Amino acid sequence: MTADSLEPTPLTEIALQPPSKPDAGLAPLLLTVIELVRQLMEAQVIRRMEGGDLSDDDLDRASESLTKLEEQVVRLCDIFEVDPADLNIDLGEIGTLLPRAGHYYPGETSQSPTILELLDRLLDTGVVVEGNVELGMAQLNLIHAKLRLVLTSQPM
């Protein structure tokens, strides 16, 4: 069997490409990650605005930057022929990655939160993740990593 005869598994195709455009490559996945981060930043700007932590100039700059980033995401969707609605991945029983437009406001709770909402809450309260990772093959541990991650939107 040669490498040319190997075909990707259906799991790989589902994970990396939206069903509407199977030949789109990694662009939809990367655009989805960018949109997730953009919406997380937008939620944090809203939280800081409501907390009185941003000056008018800070708020204007943040608003302008978020608008430009959103425009770039839409532009890249056009270039790669990706429907922006396809960036919101349906994760089955878990729900969707992103909230539908107008269905989430930072600080408000919902019955079935999206992944973005959960990440926003984690950033707002903060979380520490600690663990060990061992990577290997052929029953050999080749890489050992001890990780400690502090995830918060607050300055440390």
N, C-alpha and C. Protein backbone atom coordinates (compact mmCIF):
# COMPACT_ATOMS: atom_id res chain seq x y z
N MET A 1 0.85 -1.18 0.00
CA MET A 1 0.00 0.00 0.00
C MET A 1 0.89 1.23 0.00
N THR A 2 0.63 2.17 -0.89
CA THR A 2 1.43 3.39 -0.97
C THR A 2 0.70 4.53 -0.28
N ALA A 3 1.45 5.57 -0.03
CA ALA A 3 0.85 6.75 0.62
C ALA A 3 -0.22 7.37 -0.27
N ASP A 4 -0.06 7.23 -1.60
CA ASP A 4 -1.04 7.80 -2.52
C ASP A 4 -2.40 7.12 -2.41
N SER A 5 -2.40 5.84 -2.00
CA SER A 5 -3.65 5.12 -1.94
C SER A 5 -4.40 5.34 -0.63
N LEU A 6 -3.77 6.02 0.32
CA LEU A 6 -4.45 6.30 1.59
C LEU A 6 -5.41 7.45 1.41
N GLU A 7 -6.61 7.29 1.88
CA GLU A 7 -7.61 8.36 1.81
C GLU A 7 -7.90 8.85 3.21
N PRO A 8 -8.24 10.15 3.37
CA PRO A 8 -8.56 10.65 4.72
C PRO A 8 -9.79 9.96 5.27
N THR A 9 -9.78 9.79 6.57
CA THR A 9 -10.93 9.17 7.21
C THR A 9 -12.08 10.17 7.26
N PRO A 10 -13.31 9.69 7.34
CA PRO A 10 -14.45 10.63 7.42
C PRO A 10 -14.34 11.57 8.61
N LEU A 11 -13.75 11.12 9.74
CA LEU A 11 -13.60 11.97 10.91
C LEU A 11 -12.74 13.18 10.58
N THR A 12 -11.65 12.98 9.84
CA THR A 12 -10.78 14.08 9.45
C THR A 12 -11.54 15.08 8.59
N GLU A 13 -12.31 14.59 7.65
CA GLU A 13 -13.05 15.49 6.77
C GLU A 13 -14.08 16.30 7.55
N ILE A 14 -14.75 15.69 8.50
CA ILE A 14 -15.76 16.39 9.30
C ILE A 14 -15.10 17.44 10.19
N ALA A 15 -13.97 17.09 10.79
CA ALA A 15 -13.32 17.99 11.74
C ALA A 15 -12.70 19.20 11.08
N LEU A 16 -12.23 19.08 9.84
CA LEU A 16 -11.47 20.16 9.24
C LEU A 16 -12.24 20.96 8.21
N GLN A 17 -13.34 20.44 7.70
CA GLN A 17 -14.03 21.13 6.63
C GLN A 17 -15.53 21.15 6.88
N PRO A 18 -16.16 22.28 6.62
CA PRO A 18 -17.61 22.30 6.74
C PRO A 18 -18.22 21.48 5.62
N PRO A 19 -19.39 20.88 5.86
CA PRO A 19 -20.00 20.03 4.86
C PRO A 19 -20.39 20.75 3.58
N SER A 20 -20.63 22.06 3.62
CA SER A 20 -21.11 22.76 2.44
C SER A 20 -20.04 22.95 1.37
N LYS A 21 -18.78 22.90 1.71
CA LYS A 21 -17.70 23.11 0.74
C LYS A 21 -16.55 22.18 1.08
N PRO A 22 -16.61 20.92 0.66
CA PRO A 22 -15.61 19.93 1.07
C PRO A 22 -14.21 20.19 0.55
N ASP A 23 -14.03 21.03 -0.47
CA ASP A 23 -12.70 21.29 -1.00
C ASP A 23 -12.11 22.60 -0.48
N ALA A 24 -12.65 23.14 0.59
CA ALA A 24 -12.21 24.45 1.09
C ALA A 24 -10.91 24.39 1.87
N GLY A 25 -10.45 23.22 2.27
CA GLY A 25 -9.20 23.10 3.00
C GLY A 25 -9.33 23.56 4.44
N LEU A 26 -8.25 24.14 4.96
CA LEU A 26 -8.22 24.56 6.36
C LEU A 26 -8.77 25.97 6.58
N ALA A 27 -9.06 26.70 5.53
CA ALA A 27 -9.53 28.09 5.67
C ALA A 27 -10.74 28.20 6.59
N PRO A 28 -11.78 27.38 6.44
CA PRO A 28 -12.93 27.52 7.35
C PRO A 28 -12.57 27.30 8.81
N LEU A 29 -11.69 26.35 9.07
CA LEU A 29 -11.27 26.08 10.45
C LEU A 29 -10.51 27.29 11.02
N LEU A 30 -9.58 27.83 10.26
CA LEU A 30 -8.82 28.99 10.74
C LEU A 30 -9.72 30.21 10.91
N LEU A 31 -10.64 30.41 9.99
CA LEU A 31 -11.58 31.54 10.12
C LEU A 31 -12.48 31.36 11.32
N THR A 32 -12.86 30.13 11.62
CA THR A 32 -13.68 29.86 12.80
C THR A 32 -12.94 30.22 14.08
N VAL A 33 -11.66 29.85 14.16
CA VAL A 33 -10.85 30.19 15.33
C VAL A 33 -10.71 31.70 15.46
N ILE A 34 -10.46 32.38 14.36
CA ILE A 34 -10.34 33.84 14.39
C ILE A 34 -11.64 34.48 14.85
N GLU A 35 -12.77 33.98 14.36
CA GLU A 35 -14.07 34.54 14.75
C GLU A 35 -14.36 34.27 16.22
N LEU A 36 -13.98 33.10 16.71
CA LEU A 36 -14.16 32.79 18.13
C LEU A 36 -13.35 33.76 18.99
N VAL A 37 -12.11 34.00 18.64
CA VAL A 37 -11.25 34.92 19.40
C VAL A 37 -11.80 36.34 19.30
N ARG A 38 -12.26 36.73 18.11
CA ARG A 38 -12.82 38.08 17.94
C ARG A 38 -14.03 38.29 18.84
N GLN A 39 -14.92 37.31 18.88
CA GLN A 39 -16.09 37.45 19.73
C GLN A 39 -15.74 37.40 21.21
N LEU A 40 -14.72 36.64 21.59
CA LEU A 40 -14.26 36.64 22.99
C LEU A 40 -13.73 38.03 23.37
N MET A 41 -12.95 38.63 22.46
CA MET A 41 -12.43 39.97 22.74
C MET A 41 -13.56 40.98 22.84
N GLU A 42 -14.55 40.85 21.97
CA GLU A 42 -15.70 41.76 22.02
C GLU A 42 -16.43 41.63 23.35
N ALA A 43 -16.62 40.40 23.83
CA ALA A 43 -17.28 40.19 25.12
C ALA A 43 -16.48 40.82 26.25
N GLN A 44 -15.16 40.71 26.20
CA GLN A 44 -14.34 41.29 27.25
C GLN A 44 -14.38 42.82 27.21
N VAL A 45 -14.44 43.40 26.01
CA VAL A 45 -14.57 44.86 25.89
C VAL A 45 -15.89 45.31 26.52
N ILE A 46 -16.97 44.56 26.25
CA ILE A 46 -18.27 44.90 26.83
C ILE A 46 -18.22 44.81 28.35
N ARG A 47 -17.61 43.74 28.87
CA ARG A 47 -17.50 43.59 30.32
C ARG A 47 -16.72 44.76 30.94
N ARG A 48 -15.62 45.14 30.32
CA ARG A 48 -14.80 46.24 30.86
C ARG A 48 -15.52 47.58 30.72
N MET A 49 -16.25 47.75 29.63
CA MET A 49 -17.02 48.99 29.45
C MET A 49 -18.06 49.11 30.56
N GLU A 50 -18.79 48.03 30.80
CA GLU A 50 -19.83 48.08 31.83
C GLU A 50 -19.25 48.19 33.23
N GLY A 51 -18.03 47.71 33.42
CA GLY A 51 -17.37 47.84 34.71
C GLY A 51 -16.72 49.20 34.91
N GLY A 52 -16.77 50.06 33.88
CA GLY A 52 -16.18 51.39 33.97
C GLY A 52 -14.67 51.37 33.88
N ASP A 53 -14.10 50.30 33.32
CA ASP A 53 -12.65 50.17 33.25
C ASP A 53 -12.04 50.75 31.98
N LEU A 54 -12.86 51.24 31.05
CA LEU A 54 -12.35 51.78 29.79
C LEU A 54 -12.70 53.26 29.67
N SER A 55 -11.72 54.03 29.23
CA SER A 55 -12.00 55.44 28.94
C SER A 55 -12.74 55.50 27.60
N ASP A 56 -13.26 56.66 27.28
CA ASP A 56 -13.95 56.83 26.00
C ASP A 56 -13.00 56.56 24.83
N ASP A 57 -11.75 57.02 24.97
CA ASP A 57 -10.75 56.77 23.91
C ASP A 57 -10.47 55.27 23.78
N ASP A 58 -10.32 54.57 24.91
CA ASP A 58 -10.09 53.12 24.88
C ASP A 58 -11.26 52.42 24.19
N LEU A 59 -12.45 52.83 24.53
CA LEU A 59 -13.65 52.21 23.96
C LEU A 59 -13.74 52.47 22.46
N ASP A 60 -13.42 53.69 22.04
CA ASP A 60 -13.44 54.02 20.61
C ASP A 60 -12.43 53.18 19.85
N ARG A 61 -11.20 53.06 20.39
CA ARG A 61 -10.16 52.27 19.72
C ARG A 61 -10.55 50.80 19.64
N ALA A 62 -11.08 50.27 20.74
CA ALA A 62 -11.48 48.86 20.76
C ALA A 62 -12.62 48.62 19.78
N SER A 63 -13.59 49.51 19.76
CA SER A 63 -14.72 49.37 18.85
C SER A 63 -14.27 49.40 17.40
N GLU A 64 -13.39 50.34 17.08
CA GLU A 64 -12.88 50.44 15.70
C GLU A 64 -12.08 49.19 15.32
N SER A 65 -11.27 48.69 16.22
CA SER A 65 -10.47 47.50 15.94
C SER A 65 -11.36 46.27 15.74
N LEU A 66 -12.37 46.11 16.59
CA LEU A 66 -13.28 44.97 16.46
C LEU A 66 -14.07 45.04 15.15
N THR A 67 -14.47 46.23 14.77
CA THR A 67 -15.20 46.41 13.50
C THR A 67 -14.32 46.05 12.32
N LYS A 68 -13.07 46.51 12.34
CA LYS A 68 -12.14 46.19 11.25
C LYS A 68 -11.85 44.70 11.19
N LEU A 69 -11.69 44.07 12.34
CA LEU A 69 -11.43 42.63 12.37
C LEU A 69 -12.63 41.86 11.82
N GLU A 70 -13.84 42.28 12.19
CA GLU A 70 -15.04 41.62 11.67
C GLU A 70 -15.13 41.78 10.15
N GLU A 71 -14.81 42.97 9.65
CA GLU A 71 -14.81 43.20 8.21
C GLU A 71 -13.79 42.30 7.51
N GLN A 72 -12.63 42.11 8.13
CA GLN A 72 -11.61 41.24 7.54
C GLN A 72 -12.05 39.78 7.51
N VAL A 73 -12.73 39.34 8.55
CA VAL A 73 -13.24 37.97 8.57
C VAL A 73 -14.23 37.78 7.43
N VAL A 74 -15.14 38.73 7.25
CA VAL A 74 -16.12 38.65 6.17
C VAL A 74 -15.42 38.67 4.82
N ARG A 75 -14.42 39.52 4.68
CA ARG A 75 -13.65 39.60 3.42
C ARG A 75 -12.94 38.28 3.13
N LEU A 76 -12.33 37.68 4.15
CA LEU A 76 -11.65 36.40 3.95
C LEU A 76 -12.65 35.29 3.63
N CYS A 77 -13.83 35.37 4.22
CA CYS A 77 -14.88 34.40 3.87
C CYS A 77 -15.22 34.51 2.39
N ASP A 78 -15.30 35.74 1.88
CA ASP A 78 -15.57 35.93 0.45
C ASP A 78 -14.44 35.36 -0.40
N ILE A 79 -13.21 35.64 -0.01
CA ILE A 79 -12.06 35.16 -0.78
C ILE A 79 -12.03 33.63 -0.85
N PHE A 80 -12.29 32.98 0.29
CA PHE A 80 -12.23 31.52 0.34
C PHE A 80 -13.58 30.86 0.06
N GLU A 81 -14.56 31.68 -0.34
CA GLU A 81 -15.90 31.19 -0.68
C GLU A 81 -16.50 30.36 0.46
N VAL A 82 -16.44 30.93 1.65
CA VAL A 82 -16.99 30.30 2.85
C VAL A 82 -18.17 31.14 3.32
N ASP A 83 -19.28 30.50 3.57
CA ASP A 83 -20.44 31.20 4.11
C ASP A 83 -20.14 31.52 5.58
N PRO A 84 -20.19 32.79 6.01
CA PRO A 84 -19.90 33.12 7.41
C PRO A 84 -20.75 32.32 8.40
N ALA A 85 -21.94 31.91 8.01
CA ALA A 85 -22.78 31.10 8.90
C ALA A 85 -22.14 29.74 9.17
N ASP A 86 -21.30 29.26 8.25
CA ASP A 86 -20.62 27.97 8.44
C ASP A 86 -19.52 28.04 9.50
N LEU A 87 -19.16 29.24 9.95
CA LEU A 87 -18.13 29.37 10.99
C LEU A 87 -18.66 28.96 12.35
N ASN A 88 -19.97 28.95 12.51
CA ASN A 88 -20.57 28.53 13.77
C ASN A 88 -20.81 27.02 13.71
N ILE A 89 -19.87 26.28 14.24
CA ILE A 89 -19.90 24.82 14.17
C ILE A 89 -20.91 24.26 15.16
N ASP A 90 -21.73 23.34 14.69
CA ASP A 90 -22.69 22.64 15.56
C ASP A 90 -21.96 21.46 16.17
N LEU A 91 -21.86 21.43 17.49
CA LEU A 91 -21.14 20.38 18.20
C LEU A 91 -22.07 19.32 18.77
N GLY A 92 -23.22 19.17 18.18
CA GLY A 92 -24.17 18.13 18.60
C GLY A 92 -24.78 18.45 19.95
N GLU A 93 -24.69 17.49 20.87
CA GLU A 93 -25.29 17.66 22.20
C GLU A 93 -24.67 18.80 22.99
N ILE A 94 -23.43 19.12 22.70
CA ILE A 94 -22.75 20.21 23.41
C ILE A 94 -23.35 21.56 23.04
N GLY A 95 -23.85 21.67 21.83
CA GLY A 95 -24.42 22.93 21.36
C GLY A 95 -23.60 23.48 20.21
N THR A 96 -23.60 24.80 20.08
CA THR A 96 -22.84 25.43 19.00
C THR A 96 -21.61 26.12 19.57
N LEU A 97 -20.68 26.39 18.68
CA LEU A 97 -19.45 27.07 19.08
C LEU A 97 -19.73 28.52 19.42
N LEU A 98 -20.50 29.19 18.57
CA LEU A 98 -20.78 30.61 18.72
C LEU A 98 -22.28 30.83 18.94
N PRO A 99 -22.65 31.88 19.66
CA PRO A 99 -24.08 32.17 19.81
C PRO A 99 -24.65 32.75 18.51
N ARG A 100 -25.94 32.58 18.33
CA ARG A 100 -26.60 33.23 17.19
C ARG A 100 -26.58 34.73 17.44
N ALA A 101 -26.62 35.49 16.39
CA ALA A 101 -26.57 36.96 16.49
C ALA A 101 -27.66 37.46 17.43
N GLY A 102 -27.27 38.26 18.40
CA GLY A 102 -28.22 38.86 19.33
C GLY A 102 -28.69 37.95 20.46
N HIS A 103 -28.11 36.74 20.58
CA HIS A 103 -28.59 35.81 21.60
C HIS A 103 -27.64 35.68 22.80
N TYR A 104 -26.61 36.53 22.87
CA TYR A 104 -25.72 36.47 24.03
C TYR A 104 -25.22 37.87 24.35
N TYR A 105 -25.25 38.18 25.63
CA TYR A 105 -24.67 39.42 26.10
C TYR A 105 -23.82 39.06 27.32
N PRO A 106 -22.55 39.48 27.35
CA PRO A 106 -21.66 39.10 28.45
C PRO A 106 -22.27 39.41 29.82
N GLY A 107 -22.20 38.44 30.69
CA GLY A 107 -22.74 38.58 32.04
C GLY A 107 -24.12 37.99 32.20
N GLU A 108 -24.83 37.80 31.12
CA GLU A 108 -26.15 37.18 31.19
C GLU A 108 -26.00 35.67 31.00
N THR A 109 -26.82 34.91 31.70
CA THR A 109 -26.76 33.46 31.56
C THR A 109 -27.86 32.99 30.63
N SER A 110 -27.60 31.84 30.01
CA SER A 110 -28.61 31.26 29.13
C SER A 110 -28.78 29.79 29.49
N GLN A 111 -29.89 29.21 29.06
CA GLN A 111 -30.19 27.82 29.39
C GLN A 111 -29.20 26.85 28.74
N SER A 112 -28.81 27.12 27.51
CA SER A 112 -27.85 26.24 26.83
C SER A 112 -26.71 27.10 26.28
N PRO A 113 -25.69 27.35 27.12
CA PRO A 113 -24.59 28.23 26.70
C PRO A 113 -23.75 27.60 25.58
N THR A 114 -23.23 28.45 24.73
CA THR A 114 -22.34 28.02 23.67
C THR A 114 -20.91 27.93 24.23
N ILE A 115 -20.02 27.39 23.44
CA ILE A 115 -18.61 27.30 23.85
C ILE A 115 -18.05 28.70 24.08
N LEU A 116 -18.42 29.65 23.22
CA LEU A 116 -17.95 31.03 23.41
C LEU A 116 -18.40 31.58 24.75
N GLU A 117 -19.65 31.33 25.13
CA GLU A 117 -20.16 31.82 26.41
C GLU A 117 -19.39 31.21 27.57
N LEU A 118 -19.12 29.92 27.49
CA LEU A 118 -18.37 29.25 28.56
C LEU A 118 -16.96 29.80 28.67
N LEU A 119 -16.29 30.02 27.53
CA LEU A 119 -14.95 30.60 27.55
C LEU A 119 -14.97 32.02 28.10
N ASP A 120 -15.98 32.80 27.75
CA ASP A 120 -16.12 34.16 28.26
C ASP A 120 -16.25 34.14 29.78
N ARG A 121 -17.05 33.24 30.30
CA ARG A 121 -17.22 33.13 31.76
C ARG A 121 -15.91 32.72 32.43
N LEU A 122 -15.19 31.78 31.81
CA LEU A 122 -13.90 31.36 32.37
C LEU A 122 -12.92 32.52 32.40
N LEU A 123 -12.87 33.30 31.31
CA LEU A 123 -11.98 34.45 31.28
C LEU A 123 -12.35 35.47 32.34
N ASP A 124 -13.64 35.65 32.56
CA ASP A 124 -14.10 36.64 33.53
C ASP A 124 -13.76 36.23 34.96
N THR A 125 -13.90 34.96 35.28
CA THR A 125 -13.63 34.49 36.65
C THR A 125 -12.20 34.01 36.83
N GLY A 126 -11.61 33.49 35.77
CA GLY A 126 -10.26 32.96 35.83
C GLY A 126 -10.25 31.49 36.18
N VAL A 127 -9.27 30.79 35.66
CA VAL A 127 -9.13 29.36 35.92
C VAL A 127 -7.65 28.98 35.79
N VAL A 128 -7.24 28.01 36.59
CA VAL A 128 -5.88 27.49 36.51
C VAL A 128 -5.99 26.03 36.07
N VAL A 129 -5.25 25.70 35.03
CA VAL A 129 -5.22 24.33 34.53
C VAL A 129 -3.79 23.84 34.69
N GLU A 130 -3.66 22.68 35.29
CA GLU A 130 -2.33 22.13 35.53
C GLU A 130 -2.34 20.68 35.09
N GLY A 131 -1.25 20.24 34.48
CA GLY A 131 -1.22 18.85 34.07
C GLY A 131 0.12 18.45 33.49
N ASN A 132 0.23 17.18 33.25
CA ASN A 132 1.42 16.60 32.63
C ASN A 132 1.01 15.98 31.30
N VAL A 133 1.87 16.16 30.31
CA VAL A 133 1.62 15.58 29.00
C VAL A 133 2.84 14.77 28.61
N GLU A 134 2.59 13.56 28.17
CA GLU A 134 3.67 12.72 27.66
C GLU A 134 3.30 12.28 26.26
N LEU A 135 4.19 12.56 25.32
CA LEU A 135 3.97 12.18 23.94
C LEU A 135 5.00 11.12 23.55
N GLY A 136 4.54 10.16 22.83
CA GLY A 136 5.47 9.12 22.41
C GLY A 136 4.90 8.29 21.30
N MET A 137 5.69 7.29 20.94
CA MET A 137 5.25 6.34 19.93
C MET A 137 6.04 5.06 20.14
N ALA A 138 5.54 3.98 19.65
CA ALA A 138 6.19 2.66 19.76
C ALA A 138 6.50 2.34 21.22
N GLN A 139 5.59 2.69 22.11
CA GLN A 139 5.71 2.44 23.54
C GLN A 139 6.94 3.12 24.15
N LEU A 140 7.35 4.26 23.56
CA LEU A 140 8.44 5.07 24.10
C LEU A 140 7.90 6.46 24.41
N ASN A 141 8.09 6.94 25.63
CA ASN A 141 7.74 8.31 25.97
C ASN A 141 8.88 9.20 25.51
N LEU A 142 8.61 10.07 24.55
CA LEU A 142 9.66 10.87 23.94
C LEU A 142 9.65 12.33 24.38
N ILE A 143 8.49 12.84 24.69
CA ILE A 143 8.39 14.24 25.11
C ILE A 143 7.59 14.29 26.40
N HIS A 144 8.14 14.99 27.39
CA HIS A 144 7.47 15.17 28.67
C HIS A 144 7.26 16.67 28.88
N ALA A 145 6.06 17.05 29.21
CA ALA A 145 5.77 18.46 29.45
C ALA A 145 4.92 18.60 30.70
N LYS A 146 5.33 19.52 31.55
CA LYS A 146 4.53 19.86 32.72
C LYS A 146 3.96 21.24 32.45
N LEU A 147 2.64 21.34 32.48
CA LEU A 147 1.97 22.56 32.09
C LEU A 147 1.23 23.19 33.27
N ARG A 148 1.28 24.50 33.31
CA ARG A 148 0.44 25.26 34.24
C ARG A 148 -0.03 26.49 33.49
N LEU A 149 -1.31 26.56 33.29
CA LEU A 149 -1.92 27.62 32.51
C LEU A 149 -2.86 28.41 33.39
N VAL A 150 -2.66 29.71 33.43
CA VAL A 150 -3.58 30.61 34.12
C VAL A 150 -4.32 31.37 33.02
N LEU A 151 -5.63 31.20 32.98
CA LEU A 151 -6.46 31.81 31.95
C LEU A 151 -7.40 32.80 32.62
N THR A 152 -7.21 34.08 32.30
CA THR A 152 -8.04 35.13 32.90
C THR A 152 -8.00 36.36 32.01
N SER A 153 -9.01 37.18 32.12
CA SER A 153 -9.00 38.44 31.39
C SER A 153 -8.46 39.58 32.27
N GLN A 154 -8.20 39.28 33.52
CA GLN A 154 -7.71 40.29 34.47
C GLN A 154 -6.19 40.36 34.44
N PRO A 155 -5.62 41.55 34.55
CA PRO A 155 -4.14 41.67 34.60
C PRO A 155 -3.60 40.96 35.83
N MET A 156 -2.45 40.35 35.65
CA MET A 156 -1.84 39.61 36.76
C MET A 156 -0.59 40.31 37.26
